[in-house]
Amino acid sequence: GLETAYQKKQSIEKTLPCLENKLLKTIKDNPGILQKDIYKMFESEEKSYVQEKLYFAQKSGLISREKIGNTYKLFIK
């Protein structure tokens, strides 16, 4: 029910501070990894957080994203 959705959201938010580091490490270890493949490493509920983190990581110059079809190839800058 609603409570489990709330608890899930809480647990996702607990992992958020580590999320950026985890994403950056994944990209560093797998240069050119596809964004859609990164999604597979996370719960579907986390996808929007992952998407947001990657977007802002690009904006702040931490990574570069290269459009490939309907996804992106990711690289550490």
C-alpha atoms as a PDB file:
ATOM      1  CA  GLY A   1       0.000   0.000   0.000  1.00  0.00           C
ATOM      2  CA  LEU A   2       0.846   3.601   0.478  1.00  0.00           C
ATOM      3  CA  GLU A   3       3.091   2.921   3.455  1.00  0.00           C
ATOM      4  CA  THR A   4       5.330   0.557   1.520  1.00  0.00           C
ATOM      5  CA  ALA A   5       5.648   3.090  -1.292  1.00  0.00           C
ATOM      6  CA  TYR A   6       6.644   5.671   1.308  1.00  0.00           C
ATOM      7  CA  GLN A   7       9.168   3.308   2.906  1.00  0.00           C
ATOM      8  CA  LYS A   8      10.590   2.523  -0.510  1.00  0.00           C
ATOM      9  CA  LYS A   9      10.973   6.233  -1.236  1.00  0.00           C
ATOM     10  CA  GLN A  10      12.685   6.687   2.139  1.00  0.00           C
ATOM     11  CA  SER A  11      15.169   3.915   1.444  1.00  0.00           C
ATOM     12  CA  ILE A  12      15.894   5.301  -2.041  1.00  0.00           C
ATOM     13  CA  GLU A  13      16.543   8.729  -0.538  1.00  0.00           C
ATOM     14  CA  LYS A  14      18.949   7.175   1.971  1.00  0.00           C
ATOM     15  CA  THR A  15      21.031   5.809  -0.893  1.00  0.00           C
ATOM     16  CA  LEU A  16      20.962   9.092  -2.820  1.00  0.00           C
ATOM     17  CA  PRO A  17      24.085  10.663  -1.302  1.00  0.00           C
ATOM     18  CA  CYS A  18      26.020   7.605  -2.497  1.00  0.00           C
ATOM     19  CA  LEU A  19      24.177   7.488  -5.800  1.00  0.00           C
ATOM     20  CA  GLU A  20      26.322  10.063  -7.583  1.00  0.00           C
ATOM     21  CA  ASN A  21      29.550   8.390  -6.442  1.00  0.00           C
ATOM     22  CA  LYS A  22      28.233   5.000  -7.481  1.00  0.00           C
ATOM     23  CA  LEU A  23      27.254   6.339 -10.925  1.00  0.00           C
ATOM     24  CA  LEU A  24      30.582   8.089 -11.453  1.00  0.00           C
ATOM     25  CA  LYS A  25      32.506   4.970 -10.429  1.00  0.00           C
ATOM     26  CA  THR A  26      30.408   2.828 -12.782  1.00  0.00           C
ATOM     27  CA  ILE A  27      31.073   5.202 -15.701  1.00  0.00           C
ATOM     28  CA  LYS A  28      34.759   5.418 -14.826  1.00  0.00           C
ATOM     29  CA  ASP A  29      35.047   1.614 -14.724  1.00  0.00           C
ATOM     30  CA  ASN A  30      32.999   1.214 -17.926  1.00  0.00           C
ATOM     31  CA  PRO A  31      33.788   4.108 -20.288  1.00  0.00           C
ATOM     32  CA  GLY A  32      31.105   4.456 -22.936  1.00  0.00           C
ATOM     33  CA  ILE A  33      28.527   2.527 -20.894  1.00  0.00           C
ATOM     34  CA  LEU A  34      24.996   3.146 -22.123  1.00  0.00           C
ATOM     35  CA  GLN A  35      22.661   5.086 -19.888  1.00  0.00           C
ATOM     36  CA  LYS A  36      19.956   2.426 -20.346  1.00  0.00           C
ATOM     37  CA  ASP A  37      22.402  -0.230 -19.091  1.00  0.00           C
ATOM     38  CA  ILE A  38      23.013   1.839 -15.976  1.00  0.00           C
ATOM     39  CA  TYR A  39      19.252   1.867 -15.332  1.00  0.00           C
ATOM     40  CA  LYS A  40      19.304  -1.941 -15.236  1.00  0.00           C
ATOM     41  CA  MET A  41      21.641  -1.774 -12.218  1.00  0.00           C
ATOM     42  CA  PHE A  42      19.017   0.074 -10.176  1.00  0.00           C
ATOM     43  CA  GLU A  43      15.449  -0.457  -9.035  1.00  0.00           C
ATOM     44  CA  SER A  44      12.890   0.924 -11.491  1.00  0.00           C
ATOM     45  CA  GLU A  45      11.766   3.372  -8.775  1.00  0.00           C
ATOM     46  CA  GLU A  46      15.277   4.826  -8.790  1.00  0.00           C
ATOM     47  CA  LYS A  47      15.356   5.495 -12.529  1.00  0.00           C
ATOM     48  CA  SER A  48      14.221   9.117 -12.278  1.00  0.00           C
ATOM     49  CA  TYR A  49      16.845   9.819  -9.599  1.00  0.00           C
ATOM     50  CA  VAL A  50      19.539   8.205 -11.740  1.00  0.00           C
ATOM     51  CA  GLN A  51      18.387  10.199 -14.763  1.00  0.00           C
ATOM     52  CA  GLU A  52      18.484  13.432 -12.770  1.00  0.00           C
ATOM     53  CA  LYS A  53      21.932  12.707 -11.298  1.00  0.00           C
ATOM     54  CA  LEU A  54      23.381  11.951 -14.732  1.00  0.00           C
ATOM     55  CA  TYR A  55      21.837  15.081 -16.193  1.00  0.00           C
ATOM     56  CA  PHE A  56      23.317  17.270 -13.462  1.00  0.00           C
ATOM     57  CA  ALA A  57      26.663  15.450 -13.583  1.00  0.00           C
ATOM     58  CA  GLN A  58      26.824  16.422 -17.260  1.00  0.00           C
ATOM     59  CA  LYS A  59      25.747  20.012 -16.521  1.00  0.00           C
ATOM     60  CA  SER A  60      28.462  20.366 -13.892  1.00  0.00           C
ATOM     61  CA  GLY A  61      31.076  18.928 -16.250  1.00  0.00           C
ATOM     62  CA  LEU A  62      31.746  15.643 -14.406  1.00  0.00           C
ATOM     63  CA  ILE A  63      30.678  13.449 -17.315  1.00  0.00           C
ATOM     64  CA  SER A  64      29.982  13.765 -21.006  1.00  0.00           C
ATOM     65  CA  ARG A  65      26.964  12.171 -22.661  1.00  0.00           C
ATOM     66  CA  GLU A  66      26.998  11.206 -26.326  1.00  0.00           C
ATOM     67  CA  LYS A  67      23.558  10.650 -27.902  1.00  0.00           C
ATOM     68  CA  ILE A  68      23.273   7.144 -29.372  1.00  0.00           C
ATOM     69  CA  GLY A  69      19.797   6.309 -30.685  1.00  0.00           C
ATOM     70  CA  ASN A  70      17.401   6.685 -27.784  1.00  0.00           C
ATOM     71  CA  THR A  71      20.047   6.593 -25.042  1.00  0.00           C
ATOM     72  CA  TYR A  72      23.444   8.078 -24.204  1.00  0.00           C
ATOM     73  CA  LYS A  73      26.988   6.787 -24.070  1.00  0.00           C
ATOM     74  CA  LEU A  74      28.565   8.051 -20.863  1.00  0.00           C
ATOM     75  CA  PHE A  75      32.159   9.053 -20.209  1.00  0.00           C
ATOM     76  CA  ILE A  76      34.022  10.624 -17.280  1.00  0.00           C
ATOM     77  CA  LYS A  77      35.464  13.993 -18.248  1.00  0.00           C
END
